[in-house]
Amino acid sequence: MDLTTTFLTGPERAWFLSRLGLRLFRRLGRERGLARASSDLLRAALGARGMDQSPGRLVRHGGHVWAVPDLPPLDTGAFLDCLVSALGGFEAGPVTAILSLTARCPHRCPYCYVRQPPADTPEPSVALLARTVKDLADLGVRTFHLSGGEPALRSGDIAELLTQCRGRDLRFWLLTTGAGLTPERLRTLAAAGLDGVMIGLDHEDPAVTDGIKGTANAHATALRALGDARRVGLLAAVNAVISRPLLEQAAFFRFIDALGGHGAAFVNCYAPRPQGAELPPGLEPFTVEEHLRLHRLARRMSVGAGRGPLVYTPDVWEALRGCQGGRSFLYVDPAGDVRRCPFLSQSYGRIQDGDLAAILARLRADPDPETCAGHRLLSAALRRERP
């Protein structure tokens, strides 16, 4: 089953967004009255001026329309719920959760954020994960990124988890290097309810990719999984840690175009972050100007009505709006600790305790939440000069 991924552009995109706006206005009108609905939408429109990152095209796949992998499809009730919550006059809770199923992985990426739990720490069971998904869904989370380590090492458990979570209008993505994935396993996961895969792939040169991951054939494995995922009907995305040479415009555009040629509908670009291991040449942390360069390159690839993948990078976006860890998303590590973000250390409780509402309440009530060094650097710079 090869579900073709296409793009909505021009009048078709404008027509879709106008209908979405009308649906939102009707929903707000029913719940808040027409006067307040108009006021809320006007306030949101004015607040978005100068900060708009809406893409010039939208992704159509499997009967749905997507703008970003971190949110539900735009044509679903779940996405409308997210919009209504965001316009509620208060800070909405997380809508995306990254669930780490295992710390095991065949690769040794120097920027990996996974912290190895004690050797005697069991991996979260399917029952515990299913309960966590249900509880987080009750608290407003709509999209789940199943992560690792390499989560495909538990592909059978993932299929069982997806089967148990059917019928709740939730979206599930697999964050993977492609290791251990076969067409048969991907077909099973798609049938169980997986929406898409996010493949880790950092460069178009196989030698560079294999060197970063410390594993022979890592590049070929990622590309094979990307193609296989698309052929079984899954929406395909790439997570790329951008090395300094890719900040050159021609190299960046060539890389993104190549990923689109392999079937990626989205490319999420991340700046390198040190996680205790020494980063290789080209993957040192970016300067402010390099962050801004990546931001501009990503925007240039997404604002037009072209046919390439939609490209996103979070750092400048978050520096302008505030860190989204614990706000729009949260992270559950392989030991079950709930943290704001994979790059932050503070735990607010463990899913084994069984009280996600209390954990999220502690997280949101923290008067002095952590932020990473990169966010602090960018925020300070952008307070002085916005891009």
Protein backbone atom coordinates (compact mmCIF):
# COMPACT_ATOMS: atom_id res chain seq x y z
CA MET A 1 0.00 0.00 0.00
CA ASP A 2 1.78 3.12 -1.24
CA LEU A 3 -0.20 6.16 -0.07
CA THR A 4 0.93 9.06 -2.21
CA THR A 5 2.03 12.17 -0.34
CA THR A 6 1.07 15.39 -2.10
CA PHE A 7 1.08 19.08 -1.23
CA LEU A 8 -1.71 21.63 -0.98
CA THR A 9 -0.57 24.94 -2.43
CA GLY A 10 -2.00 28.19 -3.79
CA PRO A 11 -5.81 28.44 -3.97
CA GLU A 12 -6.29 24.88 -2.68
CA ARG A 13 -4.27 25.68 0.45
CA ALA A 14 -6.07 29.02 0.91
CA TRP A 15 -9.47 27.32 0.57
CA PHE A 16 -8.55 24.65 3.09
CA LEU A 17 -7.31 27.20 5.64
CA SER A 18 -10.37 29.39 5.18
CA ARG A 19 -12.61 26.42 5.96
CA LEU A 20 -10.46 25.59 8.98
CA GLY A 21 -10.82 29.17 10.20
CA LEU A 22 -14.59 28.97 9.77
CA ARG A 23 -14.74 25.70 11.74
CA LEU A 24 -12.71 27.29 14.51
CA PHE A 25 -14.94 30.39 14.60
CA ARG A 26 -18.11 28.26 14.78
CA ARG A 27 -16.64 26.16 17.57
CA LEU A 28 -15.58 29.22 19.57
CA GLY A 29 -18.91 30.87 18.88
CA ARG A 30 -20.82 27.93 20.32
CA GLU A 31 -18.63 27.76 23.41
CA ARG A 32 -17.93 31.47 24.10
CA GLY A 33 -20.39 33.51 22.08
CA LEU A 34 -19.75 35.32 18.82
CA ALA A 35 -18.38 38.50 20.40
CA ARG A 36 -15.70 36.73 22.43
CA ALA A 37 -14.91 34.36 19.56
CA SER A 38 -14.22 37.34 17.32
CA SER A 39 -12.11 39.00 20.02
CA ASP A 40 -10.07 35.85 20.68
CA LEU A 41 -9.32 35.30 16.99
CA LEU A 42 -8.39 38.97 16.46
CA ARG A 43 -6.06 38.88 19.47
CA ALA A 44 -4.40 35.71 18.17
CA ALA A 45 -3.96 37.20 14.70
CA LEU A 46 -2.40 40.37 16.06
CA GLY A 47 -0.11 38.41 18.38
CA ALA A 48 1.14 36.30 15.49
CA ARG A 49 2.27 39.25 13.39
CA GLY A 50 5.98 39.13 12.69
CA MET A 51 6.21 35.63 14.21
CA ASP A 52 4.36 33.63 11.56
CA GLN A 53 5.93 30.36 10.51
CA SER A 54 2.99 28.88 8.64
CA PRO A 55 4.31 26.96 5.64
CA GLY A 56 3.53 27.93 2.07
CA ARG A 57 2.20 24.44 1.44
CA LEU A 58 0.54 21.69 3.44
CA VAL A 59 1.07 17.93 3.33
CA ARG A 60 -1.79 15.67 2.26
CA HIS A 61 -1.41 12.02 3.14
CA GLY A 62 -3.75 9.16 3.99
CA GLY A 63 -6.87 11.28 3.74
CA HIS A 64 -5.57 13.96 6.13
CA VAL A 65 -3.81 17.30 5.86
CA TRP A 66 -0.72 17.96 7.98
CA ALA A 67 1.36 21.07 8.70
CA VAL A 68 3.81 19.65 11.27
CA PRO A 69 4.45 16.17 12.72
CA ASP A 70 4.15 17.40 16.33
CA LEU A 71 0.43 18.15 16.01
CA PRO A 72 -2.59 16.17 14.80
CA PRO A 73 -3.72 16.60 11.18
CA LEU A 74 -5.36 19.97 10.56
CA ASP A 75 -8.65 18.42 9.47
CA THR A 76 -9.25 16.49 12.70
CA GLY A 77 -11.20 17.33 15.82
CA ALA A 78 -8.03 16.81 17.84
CA PHE A 79 -6.31 19.69 16.02
CA LEU A 80 -9.34 21.90 16.57
CA ASP A 81 -9.15 21.02 20.27
CA CYS A 82 -5.51 22.20 20.28
CA LEU A 83 -6.49 25.51 18.67
CA VAL A 84 -9.36 26.10 21.08
CA SER A 85 -7.12 25.32 24.05
CA ALA A 86 -4.44 27.69 22.78
CA LEU A 87 -7.04 30.45 22.49
CA GLY A 88 -8.40 29.85 25.97
CA GLY A 89 -6.69 32.78 27.65
CA PHE A 90 -4.38 30.48 29.62
CA GLU A 91 -1.31 28.43 28.87
CA ALA A 92 -2.41 25.10 27.46
CA GLY A 93 -0.78 21.89 28.60
CA PRO A 94 1.42 19.63 26.45
CA VAL A 95 -0.15 18.22 23.30
CA THR A 96 2.85 16.04 22.35
CA ALA A 97 4.69 13.45 24.43
CA ILE A 98 7.98 11.75 23.61
CA LEU A 99 7.94 8.28 25.18
CA SER A 100 11.29 6.52 25.36
CA LEU A 101 10.70 2.78 25.19
CA THR A 102 14.30 1.65 25.60
CA ALA A 103 17.81 2.96 26.07
CA ARG A 104 19.25 0.24 23.84
CA CYS A 105 20.58 1.24 20.43
CA PRO A 106 23.12 -0.20 17.96
CA HIS A 107 24.51 3.27 17.21
CA ARG A 108 26.73 5.58 19.25
CA CYS A 109 25.70 9.07 18.15
CA PRO A 110 27.76 11.63 20.10
CA TYR A 111 24.80 14.01 20.45
CA CYS A 112 22.34 11.39 21.76
CA TYR A 113 20.24 12.70 24.64
CA VAL A 114 19.37 9.31 26.16
CA ARG A 115 20.74 8.83 29.65
CA GLN A 116 21.41 5.22 30.45
CA PRO A 117 19.35 4.07 33.45
CA PRO A 118 20.84 1.73 36.05
CA ALA A 119 21.47 -1.73 34.65
CA ASP A 120 18.72 -3.30 36.78
CA THR A 121 16.04 -0.84 35.59
CA PRO A 122 13.40 -2.71 33.57
CA GLU A 123 12.11 -1.26 30.35
CA PRO A 124 8.54 0.06 30.64
CA SER A 125 6.03 -2.70 30.02
CA VAL A 126 3.34 -2.49 27.36
CA ALA A 127 0.72 -2.27 30.12
CA LEU A 128 2.54 0.67 31.75
CA LEU A 129 2.99 2.42 28.40
CA ALA A 130 -0.67 1.92 27.48
CA ARG A 131 -1.77 3.33 30.83
CA THR A 132 0.57 6.28 30.36
CA VAL A 133 -0.81 7.00 26.88
CA LYS A 134 -4.38 6.84 28.21
CA ASP A 135 -3.66 9.11 31.17
CA LEU A 136 -1.77 11.65 29.04
CA ALA A 137 -4.55 11.60 26.45
CA ASP A 138 -7.05 12.38 29.22
CA LEU A 139 -4.85 15.38 30.08
CA GLY A 140 -4.84 16.71 26.52
CA VAL A 141 -1.88 15.02 24.81
CA ARG A 142 -2.82 14.08 21.25
CA THR A 143 0.46 13.07 19.55
CA PHE A 144 2.94 10.48 20.80
CA HIS A 145 6.50 10.06 19.56
CA LEU A 146 7.75 6.56 20.39
CA SER A 147 11.46 6.98 20.92
CA GLY A 148 14.56 5.31 22.31
CA GLY A 149 17.40 4.43 22.11
CA GLU A 150 16.16 2.49 19.14
CA PRO A 151 12.45 1.75 19.70
CA ALA A 152 12.32 -0.63 16.73
CA LEU A 153 14.12 -3.13 18.97
CA ARG A 154 10.69 -3.46 20.61
CA SER A 155 8.62 -3.51 17.41
CA GLY A 156 6.41 -6.34 18.67
CA ASP A 157 5.62 -4.46 21.87
CA ILE A 158 4.92 -1.30 19.85
CA ALA A 159 2.38 -3.14 17.70
CA GLU A 160 0.66 -4.39 20.86
CA LEU A 161 0.71 -0.89 22.38
CA LEU A 162 -0.81 0.65 19.25
CA THR A 163 -3.51 -2.00 19.18
CA GLN A 164 -4.44 -1.24 22.80
CA CYS A 165 -4.63 2.51 22.11
CA ARG A 166 -6.95 2.40 19.12
CA GLY A 167 -10.04 4.57 18.91
CA ARG A 168 -8.89 7.66 20.82
CA ASP A 169 -8.12 9.97 17.86
CA LEU A 170 -4.42 9.93 18.78
CA ARG A 171 -1.41 10.06 16.48
CA PHE A 172 1.71 7.90 16.81
CA TRP A 173 5.15 8.40 15.26
CA LEU A 174 8.19 6.14 15.52
CA LEU A 175 11.50 7.98 16.08
CA THR A 176 14.05 5.56 14.68
CA THR A 177 17.36 5.11 12.90
CA GLY A 178 15.74 2.36 10.83
CA ALA A 179 17.84 -0.33 12.49
CA GLY A 180 15.89 -3.57 12.77
CA LEU A 181 12.97 -2.36 10.67
CA THR A 182 11.86 -4.57 7.81
CA PRO A 183 9.00 -4.02 5.38
CA GLU A 184 7.04 -6.70 7.23
CA ARG A 185 7.52 -5.03 10.61
CA LEU A 186 6.61 -1.64 9.19
CA ARG A 187 3.52 -3.12 7.56
CA THR A 188 2.49 -4.62 10.91
CA LEU A 189 3.00 -1.29 12.70
CA ALA A 190 1.04 0.58 10.03
CA ALA A 191 -1.84 -1.89 10.35
CA ALA A 192 -1.77 -1.48 14.15
CA GLY A 193 -2.17 2.29 13.91
CA LEU A 194 1.24 3.90 13.43
CA ASP A 195 0.91 7.16 11.49
CA GLY A 196 4.49 7.86 10.51
CA VAL A 197 8.19 7.42 11.03
CA MET A 198 10.87 9.99 11.77
CA ILE A 199 14.18 8.62 10.52
CA GLY A 200 17.44 9.93 11.96
CA LEU A 201 19.68 10.95 9.04
CA ASP A 202 22.22 13.77 9.28
CA HIS A 203 23.99 14.01 5.94
CA GLU A 204 23.71 13.03 2.28
CA ASP A 205 27.21 11.47 2.32
CA PRO A 206 27.09 7.85 3.57
CA ALA A 207 30.62 8.07 4.96
CA VAL A 208 29.71 11.11 7.06
CA THR A 209 26.51 9.51 8.38
CA ASP A 210 28.24 6.23 9.22
CA GLY A 211 31.06 8.12 10.94
CA ILE A 212 28.67 10.14 13.11
CA LYS A 213 26.69 7.08 14.15
CA GLY A 214 29.74 4.89 14.58
CA THR A 215 28.15 2.08 12.61
CA ALA A 216 28.76 0.76 9.12
CA ASN A 217 25.79 1.03 6.74
CA ALA A 218 23.84 3.38 9.05
CA HIS A 219 23.15 5.67 6.08
CA ALA A 220 21.92 2.85 3.85
CA THR A 221 19.76 1.48 6.67
CA ALA A 222 18.09 4.85 7.20
CA LEU A 223 17.34 5.35 3.50
CA ARG A 224 16.00 1.82 3.16
CA ALA A 225 13.67 2.33 6.14
CA LEU A 226 12.53 5.68 4.73
CA GLY A 227 11.56 4.10 1.43
CA ASP A 228 9.98 1.05 3.03
CA ALA A 229 7.88 3.23 5.35
CA ARG A 230 6.54 5.24 2.44
CA ARG A 231 5.73 2.08 0.48
CA VAL A 232 3.64 0.59 3.30
CA GLY A 233 1.60 3.78 3.60
CA LEU A 234 3.31 5.60 6.48
CA LEU A 235 4.00 9.32 6.48
CA ALA A 236 7.78 9.79 6.30
CA ALA A 237 9.87 12.45 8.03
CA VAL A 238 13.58 12.90 8.76
CA ASN A 239 15.21 14.17 11.94
CA ALA A 240 18.58 15.69 11.03
CA VAL A 241 21.28 17.08 13.30
CA ILE A 242 22.80 19.72 11.04
CA SER A 243 26.58 19.87 10.84
CA ARG A 244 28.35 23.14 10.13
CA PRO A 245 29.15 22.35 6.45
CA LEU A 246 25.39 22.01 5.76
CA LEU A 247 24.87 25.65 6.73
CA GLU A 248 26.19 26.55 3.30
CA GLN A 249 23.09 27.27 1.20
CA ALA A 250 23.80 25.03 -1.78
CA ALA A 251 24.73 22.08 0.47
CA PHE A 252 21.64 22.55 2.64
CA PHE A 253 19.24 22.77 -0.30
CA ARG A 254 20.87 19.75 -1.96
CA PHE A 255 20.48 17.73 1.26
CA ILE A 256 16.81 18.62 1.67
CA ASP A 257 16.05 17.95 -1.99
CA ALA A 258 17.72 14.53 -1.71
CA LEU A 259 15.59 13.64 1.31
CA GLY A 260 12.47 14.69 -0.57
CA GLY A 261 13.52 12.43 -3.41
CA HIS A 262 13.59 9.53 -0.97
CA GLY A 263 10.03 10.26 0.18
CA ALA A 264 10.41 12.57 3.20
CA ALA A 265 7.46 14.95 3.61
CA PHE A 266 9.04 16.73 6.58
CA VAL A 267 12.61 17.42 7.65
CA ASN A 268 13.18 18.52 11.24
CA CYS A 269 16.57 20.21 11.54
CA TYR A 270 18.34 20.41 14.91
CA ALA A 271 21.48 22.21 15.96
CA PRO A 272 24.13 19.99 17.62
CA ARG A 273 23.95 19.78 21.42
CA PRO A 274 26.75 18.31 23.54
CA GLN A 275 25.54 15.49 25.78
CA GLY A 276 28.74 14.50 27.54
CA ALA A 277 30.50 12.94 24.56
CA GLU A 278 32.99 14.91 22.50
CA LEU A 279 31.34 16.17 19.34
CA PRO A 280 33.25 15.57 16.08
CA PRO A 281 34.46 18.45 13.88
CA GLY A 282 31.56 20.26 12.25
CA LEU A 283 29.10 19.25 14.99
CA GLU A 284 30.23 21.72 17.63
CA PRO A 285 27.44 23.88 19.15
CA PHE A 286 26.34 26.72 16.88
CA THR A 287 26.94 30.40 17.42
CA VAL A 288 23.95 32.76 17.42
CA GLU A 289 24.62 33.68 13.78
CA GLU A 290 24.74 30.00 12.80
CA HIS A 291 21.41 29.38 14.53
CA LEU A 292 19.93 32.29 12.60
CA ARG A 293 21.41 31.00 9.34
CA LEU A 294 19.79 27.59 9.86
CA HIS A 295 16.51 29.31 10.71
CA ARG A 296 16.61 31.33 7.48
CA LEU A 297 17.52 28.31 5.36
CA ALA A 298 14.65 26.28 6.82
CA ARG A 299 12.18 29.11 6.25
CA ARG A 300 13.28 29.51 2.63
CA MET A 301 12.55 25.84 1.99
CA SER A 302 9.04 25.98 3.49
CA VAL A 303 7.44 29.36 2.79
CA GLY A 304 7.11 28.85 -0.95
CA ALA A 305 4.66 26.71 -2.86
CA GLY A 306 7.30 24.23 -4.01
CA ARG A 307 7.19 20.46 -3.84
CA GLY A 308 10.03 19.67 -1.45
CA PRO A 309 9.69 18.59 2.18
CA LEU A 310 8.51 21.06 4.78
CA VAL A 311 11.54 22.05 6.84
CA TYR A 312 11.44 23.07 10.50
CA THR A 313 14.01 24.02 13.09
CA PRO A 314 12.92 24.81 16.65
CA ASP A 315 15.66 26.86 18.29
CA VAL A 316 14.97 30.40 17.02
CA TRP A 317 11.22 29.77 17.10
CA GLU A 318 11.43 28.83 20.79
CA ALA A 319 13.86 31.63 21.62
CA LEU A 320 11.19 34.09 20.43
CA ARG A 321 8.30 32.43 22.27
CA GLY A 322 9.91 30.68 25.22
CA CYS A 323 11.12 27.12 25.70
CA GLN A 324 8.34 24.69 24.80
CA GLY A 325 9.62 21.90 27.06
CA GLY A 326 6.77 21.16 29.46
CA ARG A 327 4.52 23.61 27.63
CA SER A 328 3.68 22.11 24.24
CA PHE A 329 5.54 18.83 24.79
CA LEU A 330 7.10 16.66 27.48
CA TYR A 331 9.54 13.77 27.63
CA VAL A 332 9.42 10.41 29.42
CA ASP A 333 12.87 8.84 29.64
CA PRO A 334 13.68 5.08 29.55
CA ALA A 335 13.48 4.87 33.36
CA GLY A 336 10.00 6.42 33.38
CA ASP A 337 11.01 9.88 34.63
CA VAL A 338 8.86 12.71 33.29
CA ARG A 339 10.94 15.69 32.20
CA ARG A 340 10.22 18.86 30.30
CA CYS A 341 12.59 18.02 27.48
CA PRO A 342 15.15 15.33 26.58
CA PHE A 343 17.92 17.89 27.07
CA LEU A 344 16.90 18.85 30.63
CA SER A 345 17.60 16.83 33.78
CA GLN A 346 14.84 17.74 36.25
CA SER A 347 12.37 14.90 36.88
CA TYR A 348 8.88 15.73 38.12
CA GLY A 349 7.90 12.14 38.88
CA ARG A 350 7.79 8.70 37.30
CA ILE A 351 5.06 7.11 35.22
CA GLN A 352 5.33 4.06 37.49
CA ASP A 353 3.78 6.21 40.24
CA GLY A 354 0.55 6.29 38.24
CA ASP A 355 -0.50 9.89 38.83
CA LEU A 356 0.23 11.81 35.64
CA ALA A 357 -2.11 14.66 36.62
CA ALA A 358 -0.06 15.36 39.76
CA ILE A 359 3.19 15.10 37.82
CA LEU A 360 2.01 17.61 35.21
CA ALA A 361 0.75 19.90 37.96
CA ARG A 362 4.21 19.91 39.58
CA LEU A 363 5.83 20.50 36.21
CA ARG A 364 3.60 23.47 35.39
CA ALA A 365 3.89 24.95 38.88
CA ASP A 366 7.69 24.98 38.88
CA PRO A 367 8.59 28.65 39.52
CA ASP A 368 12.09 28.35 38.07
CA PRO A 369 12.11 25.74 35.28
CA GLU A 370 15.32 24.63 33.62
CA THR A 371 16.37 25.92 30.23
CA CYS A 372 19.29 24.69 28.18
CA ALA A 373 22.40 26.72 27.42
CA GLY A 374 21.51 27.07 23.75
CA HIS A 375 18.09 28.52 24.54
CA ARG A 376 19.55 31.00 27.01
CA LEU A 377 22.15 32.09 24.47
CA LEU A 378 19.60 32.66 21.71
CA SER A 379 16.99 34.27 23.94
CA ALA A 380 19.47 36.84 25.23
CA ALA A 381 20.64 37.66 21.70
CA LEU A 382 17.14 37.91 20.21
CA ARG A 383 15.91 40.20 22.93
CA ARG A 384 18.38 42.65 21.47
CA GLU A 385 17.72 41.94 17.79
CA ARG A 386 14.98 39.81 16.27
CA PRO A 387 15.67 37.92 13.02
